[in-house]
mmCIF file of all heavy atoms, coordinates in Angstrom:
data_MODEL
# 
_entry.id   MODEL 
# 
loop_
_atom_site.group_PDB 
_atom_site.id 
_atom_site.type_symbol 
_atom_site.label_atom_id 
_atom_site.label_alt_id 
_atom_site.label_comp_id 
_atom_site.label_asym_id 
_atom_site.label_entity_id 
_atom_site.label_seq_id 
_atom_site.pdbx_PDB_ins_code 
_atom_site.Cartn_x 
_atom_site.Cartn_y 
_atom_site.Cartn_z 
_atom_site.occupancy 
_atom_site.B_iso_or_equiv 
_atom_site.pdbx_formal_charge 
_atom_site.auth_seq_id 
_atom_site.auth_comp_id 
_atom_site.auth_asym_id 
_atom_site.auth_atom_id 
_atom_site.pdbx_PDB_model_num 
ATOM 1   N N   . ASN A 1 1  ? 0.845  -1.217  0.045   1.00 0.00 ? 1  ASN A N   1 
ATOM 2   C CA  . ASN A 1 1  ? -0.060 -0.037  -0.025  1.00 0.00 ? 1  ASN A CA  1 
ATOM 3   C C   . ASN A 1 1  ? 0.889  1.181   0.025   1.00 0.00 ? 1  ASN A C   1 
ATOM 4   O O   . ASN A 1 1  ? 2.069  1.105   -0.093  1.00 0.00 ? 1  ASN A O   1 
ATOM 5   C CB  . ASN A 1 1  ? -0.927 0.031   1.296   1.00 0.00 ? 1  ASN A CB  1 
ATOM 6   C CG  . ASN A 1 1  ? -1.861 -1.264  1.194   1.00 0.00 ? 1  ASN A CG  1 
ATOM 7   O OD1 . ASN A 1 1  ? -2.744 -1.266  0.384   1.00 0.00 ? 1  ASN A OD1 1 
ATOM 8   N ND2 . ASN A 1 1  ? -1.771 -2.084  2.254   1.00 0.00 ? 1  ASN A ND2 1 
ATOM 9   N N   . LEU A 1 2  ? 0.349  2.413   0.206   1.00 0.00 ? 2  LEU A N   1 
ATOM 10  C CA  . LEU A 1 2  ? 1.196  3.730   0.182   1.00 0.00 ? 2  LEU A CA  1 
ATOM 11  C C   . LEU A 1 2  ? 1.184  4.182   1.590   1.00 0.00 ? 2  LEU A C   1 
ATOM 12  O O   . LEU A 1 2  ? 0.111  4.450   2.088   1.00 0.00 ? 2  LEU A O   1 
ATOM 13  C CB  . LEU A 1 2  ? 0.605  4.645   -0.695  1.00 0.00 ? 2  LEU A CB  1 
ATOM 14  C CG  . LEU A 1 2  ? 0.469  4.225   -2.228  1.00 0.00 ? 2  LEU A CG  1 
ATOM 15  C CD1 . LEU A 1 2  ? -0.022 5.482   -3.157  1.00 0.00 ? 2  LEU A CD1 1 
ATOM 16  C CD2 . LEU A 1 2  ? 1.802  3.781   -2.753  1.00 0.00 ? 2  LEU A CD2 1 
ATOM 17  N N   . GLY A 1 3  ? 2.380  4.218   2.084   1.00 0.00 ? 3  GLY A N   1 
ATOM 18  C CA  . GLY A 1 3  ? 2.495  4.777   3.540   1.00 0.00 ? 3  GLY A CA  1 
ATOM 19  C C   . GLY A 1 3  ? 3.834  4.514   4.132   1.00 0.00 ? 3  GLY A C   1 
ATOM 20  O O   . GLY A 1 3  ? 4.616  3.673   3.516   1.00 0.00 ? 3  GLY A O   1 
ATOM 21  N N   . ASP A 1 4  ? 4.271  5.241   5.262   1.00 0.00 ? 4  ASP A N   1 
ATOM 22  C CA  . ASP A 1 4  ? 5.583  5.090   5.739   1.00 0.00 ? 4  ASP A CA  1 
ATOM 23  C C   . ASP A 1 4  ? 5.886  3.549   6.086   1.00 0.00 ? 4  ASP A C   1 
ATOM 24  O O   . ASP A 1 4  ? 6.990  3.214   5.815   1.00 0.00 ? 4  ASP A O   1 
ATOM 25  C CB  . ASP A 1 4  ? 5.635  5.813   7.001   1.00 0.00 ? 4  ASP A CB  1 
ATOM 26  C CG  . ASP A 1 4  ? 5.730  7.429   6.811   1.00 0.00 ? 4  ASP A CG  1 
ATOM 27  O OD1 . ASP A 1 4  ? 6.295  7.725   5.748   1.00 0.00 ? 4  ASP A OD1 1 
ATOM 28  O OD2 . ASP A 1 4  ? 5.421  8.183   7.750   1.00 0.00 ? 4  ASP A OD2 1 
ATOM 29  N N   . ALA A 1 5  ? 5.030  2.786   6.615   1.00 0.00 ? 5  ALA A N   1 
ATOM 30  C CA  . ALA A 1 5  ? 5.393  1.467   7.015   1.00 0.00 ? 5  ALA A CA  1 
ATOM 31  C C   . ALA A 1 5  ? 5.669  0.547   5.842   1.00 0.00 ? 5  ALA A C   1 
ATOM 32  O O   . ALA A 1 5  ? 6.470  -0.419  5.978   1.00 0.00 ? 5  ALA A O   1 
ATOM 33  C CB  . ALA A 1 5  ? 4.269  0.800   7.880   1.00 0.00 ? 5  ALA A CB  1 
ATOM 34  N N   . TYR A 1 6  ? 5.237  0.959   4.577   1.00 0.00 ? 6  TYR A N   1 
ATOM 35  C CA  . TYR A 1 6  ? 5.584  0.167   3.439   1.00 0.00 ? 6  TYR A CA  1 
ATOM 36  C C   . TYR A 1 6  ? 6.899  0.548   2.780   1.00 0.00 ? 6  TYR A C   1 
ATOM 37  O O   . TYR A 1 6  ? 7.187  -0.084  1.717   1.00 0.00 ? 6  TYR A O   1 
ATOM 38  C CB  . TYR A 1 6  ? 4.380  0.212   2.483   1.00 0.00 ? 6  TYR A CB  1 
ATOM 39  C CG  . TYR A 1 6  ? 3.035  -0.182  3.061   1.00 0.00 ? 6  TYR A CG  1 
ATOM 40  C CD1 . TYR A 1 6  ? 2.204  0.623   3.770   1.00 0.00 ? 6  TYR A CD1 1 
ATOM 41  C CD2 . TYR A 1 6  ? 2.686  -1.516  3.064   1.00 0.00 ? 6  TYR A CD2 1 
ATOM 42  C CE1 . TYR A 1 6  ? 0.975  0.147   4.286   1.00 0.00 ? 6  TYR A CE1 1 
ATOM 43  C CE2 . TYR A 1 6  ? 1.537  -2.051  3.559   1.00 0.00 ? 6  TYR A CE2 1 
ATOM 44  C CZ  . TYR A 1 6  ? 0.749  -1.230  4.306   1.00 0.00 ? 6  TYR A CZ  1 
ATOM 45  O OH  . TYR A 1 6  ? -0.291 -1.693  4.822   1.00 0.00 ? 6  TYR A OH  1 
ATOM 46  N N   . PHE A 1 7  ? 7.414  1.671   3.205   1.00 0.00 ? 7  PHE A N   1 
ATOM 47  C CA  . PHE A 1 7  ? 8.735  2.195   2.597   1.00 0.00 ? 7  PHE A CA  1 
ATOM 48  C C   . PHE A 1 7  ? 9.730  2.396   3.566   1.00 0.00 ? 7  PHE A C   1 
ATOM 49  O O   . PHE A 1 7  ? 10.689 3.142   3.439   1.00 0.00 ? 7  PHE A O   1 
ATOM 50  C CB  . PHE A 1 7  ? 8.459  3.539   1.756   1.00 0.00 ? 7  PHE A CB  1 
ATOM 51  C CG  . PHE A 1 7  ? 7.358  3.452   0.762   1.00 0.00 ? 7  PHE A CG  1 
ATOM 52  C CD1 . PHE A 1 7  ? 6.191  3.952   0.786   1.00 0.00 ? 7  PHE A CD1 1 
ATOM 53  C CD2 . PHE A 1 7  ? 7.726  2.626   -0.444  1.00 0.00 ? 7  PHE A CD2 1 
ATOM 54  C CE1 . PHE A 1 7  ? 5.200  3.796   -0.218  1.00 0.00 ? 7  PHE A CE1 1 
ATOM 55  C CE2 . PHE A 1 7  ? 6.768  2.558   -1.398  1.00 0.00 ? 7  PHE A CE2 1 
ATOM 56  C CZ  . PHE A 1 7  ? 5.536  3.085   -1.315  1.00 0.00 ? 7  PHE A CZ  1 
ATOM 57  N N   . GLY A 1 8  ? 9.733  1.669   4.755   1.00 0.00 ? 8  GLY A N   1 
ATOM 58  C CA  . GLY A 1 8  ? 10.789 1.597   5.745   1.00 0.00 ? 8  GLY A CA  1 
ATOM 59  C C   . GLY A 1 8  ? 10.927 2.889   6.378   1.00 0.00 ? 8  GLY A C   1 
ATOM 60  O O   . GLY A 1 8  ? 12.113 3.163   6.989   1.00 0.00 ? 8  GLY A O   1 
ATOM 61  N N   . ASN A 1 9  ? 9.852  3.678   6.561   1.00 0.00 ? 9  ASN A N   1 
ATOM 62  C CA  . ASN A 1 9  ? 9.987  5.002   7.182   1.00 0.00 ? 9  ASN A CA  1 
ATOM 63  C C   . ASN A 1 9  ? 9.196  5.215   8.366   1.00 0.00 ? 9  ASN A C   1 
ATOM 64  O O   . ASN A 1 9  ? 8.953  6.302   8.927   1.00 0.00 ? 9  ASN A O   1 
ATOM 65  C CB  . ASN A 1 9  ? 9.631  6.078   6.068   1.00 0.00 ? 9  ASN A CB  1 
ATOM 66  C CG  . ASN A 1 9  ? 10.117 7.434   6.377   1.00 0.00 ? 9  ASN A CG  1 
ATOM 67  O OD1 . ASN A 1 9  ? 11.110 7.684   7.023   1.00 0.00 ? 9  ASN A OD1 1 
ATOM 68  N ND2 . ASN A 1 9  ? 9.333  8.454   6.024   1.00 0.00 ? 9  ASN A ND2 1 
ATOM 69  N N   . ALA A 1 10 ? 8.522  4.120   8.951   1.00 0.00 ? 10 ALA A N   1 
ATOM 70  C CA  . ALA A 1 10 ? 7.799  4.162   10.146  1.00 0.00 ? 10 ALA A CA  1 
ATOM 71  C C   . ALA A 1 10 ? 8.681  3.968   11.364  1.00 0.00 ? 10 ALA A C   1 
ATOM 72  O O   . ALA A 1 10 ? 9.722  3.477   11.292  1.00 0.00 ? 10 ALA A O   1 
ATOM 73  C CB  . ALA A 1 10 ? 6.649  3.129   10.079  1.00 0.00 ? 10 ALA A CB  1 
ATOM 74  N N   . THR A 1 11 ? 8.276  4.504   12.435  1.00 0.00 ? 11 THR A N   1 
ATOM 75  C CA  . THR A 1 11 ? 9.110  4.369   13.651  1.00 0.00 ? 11 THR A CA  1 
ATOM 76  C C   . THR A 1 11 ? 8.789  3.179   14.554  1.00 0.00 ? 11 THR A C   1 
ATOM 77  O O   . THR A 1 11 ? 9.682  2.867   15.356  1.00 0.00 ? 11 THR A O   1 
ATOM 78  C CB  . THR A 1 11 ? 8.784  5.773   14.608  1.00 0.00 ? 11 THR A CB  1 
ATOM 79  O OG1 . THR A 1 11 ? 7.418  5.792   14.828  1.00 0.00 ? 11 THR A OG1 1 
ATOM 80  C CG2 . THR A 1 11 ? 9.208  6.958   13.631  1.00 0.00 ? 11 THR A CG2 1 
ATOM 81  N N   . THR A 1 12 ? 7.642  2.643   14.412  1.00 0.00 ? 12 THR A N   1 
ATOM 82  C CA  . THR A 1 12 ? 7.293  1.530   15.311  1.00 0.00 ? 12 THR A CA  1 
ATOM 83  C C   . THR A 1 12 ? 7.430  0.164   14.659  1.00 0.00 ? 12 THR A C   1 
ATOM 84  O O   . THR A 1 12 ? 7.519  -0.851  15.380  1.00 0.00 ? 12 THR A O   1 
ATOM 85  C CB  . THR A 1 12 ? 5.911  1.682   15.946  1.00 0.00 ? 12 THR A CB  1 
ATOM 86  O OG1 . THR A 1 12 ? 4.933  1.832   14.882  1.00 0.00 ? 12 THR A OG1 1 
ATOM 87  C CG2 . THR A 1 12 ? 5.892  3.011   16.756  1.00 0.00 ? 12 THR A CG2 1 
ATOM 88  N N   . GLY A 1 13 ? 7.197  0.033   13.271  1.00 0.00 ? 13 GLY A N   1 
ATOM 89  C CA  . GLY A 1 13 ? 7.217  -1.208  12.602  1.00 0.00 ? 13 GLY A CA  1 
ATOM 90  C C   . GLY A 1 13 ? 7.128  -0.939  11.051  1.00 0.00 ? 13 GLY A C   1 
ATOM 91  O O   . GLY A 1 13 ? 6.455  -0.129  10.653  1.00 0.00 ? 13 GLY A O   1 
ATOM 92  N N   . ASN A 1 14 ? 7.974  -1.732  10.389  1.00 0.00 ? 14 ASN A N   1 
ATOM 93  C CA  . ASN A 1 14 ? 7.918  -1.587  8.938   1.00 0.00 ? 14 ASN A CA  1 
ATOM 94  C C   . ASN A 1 14 ? 7.659  -2.995  8.275   1.00 0.00 ? 14 ASN A C   1 
ATOM 95  O O   . ASN A 1 14 ? 8.098  -3.888  8.729   1.00 0.00 ? 14 ASN A O   1 
ATOM 96  C CB  . ASN A 1 14 ? 9.250  -1.102  8.437   1.00 0.00 ? 14 ASN A CB  1 
ATOM 97  C CG  . ASN A 1 14 ? 9.475  0.411   8.704   1.00 0.00 ? 14 ASN A CG  1 
ATOM 98  O OD1 . ASN A 1 14 ? 8.792  1.266   8.103   1.00 0.00 ? 14 ASN A OD1 1 
ATOM 99  N ND2 . ASN A 1 14 ? 10.277 0.732   9.659   1.00 0.00 ? 14 ASN A ND2 1 
ATOM 100 N N   . PHE A 1 15 ? 6.991  -2.943  7.093   1.00 0.00 ? 15 PHE A N   1 
ATOM 101 C CA  . PHE A 1 15 ? 6.633  -4.093  6.391   1.00 0.00 ? 15 PHE A CA  1 
ATOM 102 C C   . PHE A 1 15 ? 7.673  -4.556  5.474   1.00 0.00 ? 15 PHE A C   1 
ATOM 103 O O   . PHE A 1 15 ? 8.444  -3.819  4.810   1.00 0.00 ? 15 PHE A O   1 
ATOM 104 C CB  . PHE A 1 15 ? 5.327  -3.870  5.533   1.00 0.00 ? 15 PHE A CB  1 
ATOM 105 C CG  . PHE A 1 15 ? 4.123  -3.760  6.422   1.00 0.00 ? 15 PHE A CG  1 
ATOM 106 C CD1 . PHE A 1 15 ? 3.470  -2.611  6.529   1.00 0.00 ? 15 PHE A CD1 1 
ATOM 107 C CD2 . PHE A 1 15 ? 3.543  -4.938  6.999   1.00 0.00 ? 15 PHE A CD2 1 
ATOM 108 C CE1 . PHE A 1 15 ? 2.314  -2.441  7.233   1.00 0.00 ? 15 PHE A CE1 1 
ATOM 109 C CE2 . PHE A 1 15 ? 2.577  -4.764  7.798   1.00 0.00 ? 15 PHE A CE2 1 
ATOM 110 C CZ  . PHE A 1 15 ? 1.810  -3.534  7.930   1.00 0.00 ? 15 PHE A CZ  1 
ATOM 111 N N   . VAL A 1 16 ? 7.975  -5.886  5.436   1.00 0.00 ? 16 VAL A N   1 
ATOM 112 C CA  . VAL A 1 16 ? 8.766  -6.518  4.498   1.00 0.00 ? 16 VAL A CA  1 
ATOM 113 C C   . VAL A 1 16 ? 8.020  -6.889  3.250   1.00 0.00 ? 16 VAL A C   1 
ATOM 114 O O   . VAL A 1 16 ? 7.050  -7.676  3.343   1.00 0.00 ? 16 VAL A O   1 
ATOM 115 C CB  . VAL A 1 16 ? 9.638  -7.759  4.984   1.00 0.00 ? 16 VAL A CB  1 
ATOM 116 C CG1 . VAL A 1 16 ? 10.422 -8.381  3.931   1.00 0.00 ? 16 VAL A CG1 1 
ATOM 117 C CG2 . VAL A 1 16 ? 10.338 -7.433  6.243   1.00 0.00 ? 16 VAL A CG2 1 
ATOM 118 N N   . ASP A 1 17 ? 8.202  -6.262  2.003   1.00 0.00 ? 17 ASP A N   1 
ATOM 119 C CA  . ASP A 1 17 ? 7.379  -6.416  0.948   1.00 0.00 ? 17 ASP A CA  1 
ATOM 120 C C   . ASP A 1 17 ? 8.012  -6.588  -0.260  1.00 0.00 ? 17 ASP A C   1 
ATOM 121 O O   . ASP A 1 17 ? 9.219  -6.484  -0.461  1.00 0.00 ? 17 ASP A O   1 
ATOM 122 C CB  . ASP A 1 17 ? 6.485  -5.045  0.904   1.00 0.00 ? 17 ASP A CB  1 
ATOM 123 C CG  . ASP A 1 17 ? 4.922  -5.428  0.653   1.00 0.00 ? 17 ASP A CG  1 
ATOM 124 O OD1 . ASP A 1 17 ? 4.654  -6.458  -0.154  1.00 0.00 ? 17 ASP A OD1 1 
ATOM 125 O OD2 . ASP A 1 17 ? 4.032  -4.837  1.303   1.00 0.00 ? 17 ASP A OD2 1 
ATOM 126 N N   . LEU A 1 18 ? 7.240  -6.875  -1.423  1.00 0.00 ? 18 LEU A N   1 
ATOM 127 C CA  . LEU A 1 18 ? 7.886  -7.138  -2.769  1.00 0.00 ? 18 LEU A CA  1 
ATOM 128 C C   . LEU A 1 18 ? 6.790  -6.569  -3.840  1.00 0.00 ? 18 LEU A C   1 
ATOM 129 O O   . LEU A 1 18 ? 5.616  -6.930  -3.721  1.00 0.00 ? 18 LEU A O   1 
ATOM 130 C CB  . LEU A 1 18 ? 8.144  -8.565  -3.055  1.00 0.00 ? 18 LEU A CB  1 
ATOM 131 C CG  . LEU A 1 18 ? 8.737  -8.716  -4.395  1.00 0.00 ? 18 LEU A CG  1 
ATOM 132 C CD1 . LEU A 1 18 ? 10.194 -8.213  -4.513  1.00 0.00 ? 18 LEU A CD1 1 
ATOM 133 C CD2 . LEU A 1 18 ? 8.680  -10.340 -4.742  1.00 0.00 ? 18 LEU A CD2 1 
ATOM 134 N N   . ASP A 1 19 ? 7.219  -5.737  -4.790  1.00 0.00 ? 19 ASP A N   1 
ATOM 135 C CA  . ASP A 1 19 ? 6.541  -5.363  -5.909  1.00 0.00 ? 19 ASP A CA  1 
ATOM 136 C C   . ASP A 1 19 ? 7.317  -5.729  -7.098  1.00 0.00 ? 19 ASP A C   1 
ATOM 137 O O   . ASP A 1 19 ? 8.483  -6.192  -7.016  1.00 0.00 ? 19 ASP A O   1 
ATOM 138 C CB  . ASP A 1 19 ? 6.410  -3.898  -5.925  1.00 0.00 ? 19 ASP A CB  1 
ATOM 139 C CG  . ASP A 1 19 ? 5.517  -3.215  -4.808  1.00 0.00 ? 19 ASP A CG  1 
ATOM 140 O OD1 . ASP A 1 19 ? 4.572  -3.852  -4.437  1.00 0.00 ? 19 ASP A OD1 1 
ATOM 141 O OD2 . ASP A 1 19 ? 5.877  -2.216  -4.254  1.00 0.00 ? 19 ASP A OD2 1 
ATOM 142 N N   . VAL A 1 20 ? 6.650  -5.633  -8.219  1.00 0.00 ? 20 VAL A N   1 
ATOM 143 C CA  . VAL A 1 20 ? 7.322  -5.824  -9.538  1.00 0.00 ? 20 VAL A CA  1 
ATOM 144 C C   . VAL A 1 20 ? 6.860  -4.628  -10.391 1.00 0.00 ? 20 VAL A C   1 
ATOM 145 O O   . VAL A 1 20 ? 5.741  -4.180  -10.501 1.00 0.00 ? 20 VAL A O   1 
ATOM 146 C CB  . VAL A 1 20 ? 6.880  -7.121  -10.174 1.00 0.00 ? 20 VAL A CB  1 
ATOM 147 C CG1 . VAL A 1 20 ? 5.381  -7.198  -10.436 1.00 0.00 ? 20 VAL A CG1 1 
ATOM 148 C CG2 . VAL A 1 20 ? 7.653  -7.415  -11.506 1.00 0.00 ? 20 VAL A CG2 1 
ATOM 149 N N   . LEU A 1 21 ? 7.918  -4.063  -11.058 1.00 0.00 ? 21 LEU A N   1 
ATOM 150 C CA  . LEU A 1 21 ? 7.726  -3.065  -12.089 1.00 0.00 ? 21 LEU A CA  1 
ATOM 151 C C   . LEU A 1 21 ? 7.585  -3.638  -13.481 1.00 0.00 ? 21 LEU A C   1 
ATOM 152 O O   . LEU A 1 21 ? 8.478  -4.554  -13.872 1.00 0.00 ? 21 LEU A O   1 
ATOM 153 C CB  . LEU A 1 21 ? 8.873  -2.084  -12.136 1.00 0.00 ? 21 LEU A CB  1 
ATOM 154 C CG  . LEU A 1 21 ? 8.894  -1.029  -13.196 1.00 0.00 ? 21 LEU A CG  1 
ATOM 155 C CD1 . LEU A 1 21 ? 7.729  -0.090  -13.150 1.00 0.00 ? 21 LEU A CD1 1 
ATOM 156 C CD2 . LEU A 1 21 ? 10.284 -0.317  -13.336 1.00 0.00 ? 21 LEU A CD2 1 
ATOM 157 N N   . ALA A 1 22 ? 6.394  -3.474  -14.132 1.00 0.00 ? 22 ALA A N   1 
ATOM 158 C CA  . ALA A 1 22 ? 6.086  -4.303  -15.352 1.00 0.00 ? 22 ALA A CA  1 
ATOM 159 C C   . ALA A 1 22 ? 6.262  -3.176  -16.515 1.00 0.00 ? 22 ALA A C   1 
ATOM 160 O O   . ALA A 1 22 ? 5.754  -1.982  -16.304 1.00 0.00 ? 22 ALA A O   1 
ATOM 161 C CB  . ALA A 1 22 ? 4.826  -4.890  -15.348 1.00 0.00 ? 22 ALA A CB  1 
ATOM 162 N N   . ALA A 1 23 ? 6.740  -3.578  -17.769 1.00 0.00 ? 23 ALA A N   1 
ATOM 163 C CA  . ALA A 1 23 ? 6.681  -2.686  -18.904 1.00 0.00 ? 23 ALA A CA  1 
ATOM 164 C C   . ALA A 1 23 ? 6.170  -3.362  -20.050 1.00 0.00 ? 23 ALA A C   1 
ATOM 165 O O   . ALA A 1 23 ? 6.403  -4.690  -20.233 1.00 0.00 ? 23 ALA A O   1 
ATOM 166 C CB  . ALA A 1 23 ? 8.200  -2.289  -19.036 1.00 0.00 ? 23 ALA A CB  1 
ATOM 167 N N   . GLY A 1 24 ? 5.521  -2.722  -20.951 1.00 0.00 ? 24 GLY A N   1 
ATOM 168 C CA  . GLY A 1 24 ? 5.049  -3.260  -22.247 1.00 0.00 ? 24 GLY A CA  1 
ATOM 169 C C   . GLY A 1 24 ? 3.643  -3.655  -22.136 1.00 0.00 ? 24 GLY A C   1 
ATOM 170 O O   . GLY A 1 24 ? 2.785  -3.170  -21.344 1.00 0.00 ? 24 GLY A O   1 
ATOM 171 N N   . PRO A 1 25 ? 3.163  -4.481  -23.121 1.00 0.00 ? 25 PRO A N   1 
ATOM 172 C CA  . PRO A 1 25 ? 1.717  -4.853  -23.220 1.00 0.00 ? 25 PRO A CA  1 
ATOM 173 C C   . PRO A 1 25 ? 1.006  -5.435  -22.031 1.00 0.00 ? 25 PRO A C   1 
ATOM 174 O O   . PRO A 1 25 ? -0.154 -5.264  -21.941 1.00 0.00 ? 25 PRO A O   1 
ATOM 175 C CB  . PRO A 1 25 ? 1.784  -5.930  -24.424 1.00 0.00 ? 25 PRO A CB  1 
ATOM 176 C CG  . PRO A 1 25 ? 3.120  -5.692  -25.111 1.00 0.00 ? 25 PRO A CG  1 
ATOM 177 C CD  . PRO A 1 25 ? 4.074  -5.230  -24.060 1.00 0.00 ? 25 PRO A CD  1 
# 
């Protein structure tokens, strides 16, 4: 999602996550 905890910027807990950048059709 979008927020501090999803980008390693929260002070009390951060999520370990994975996305994929896709290109093309």
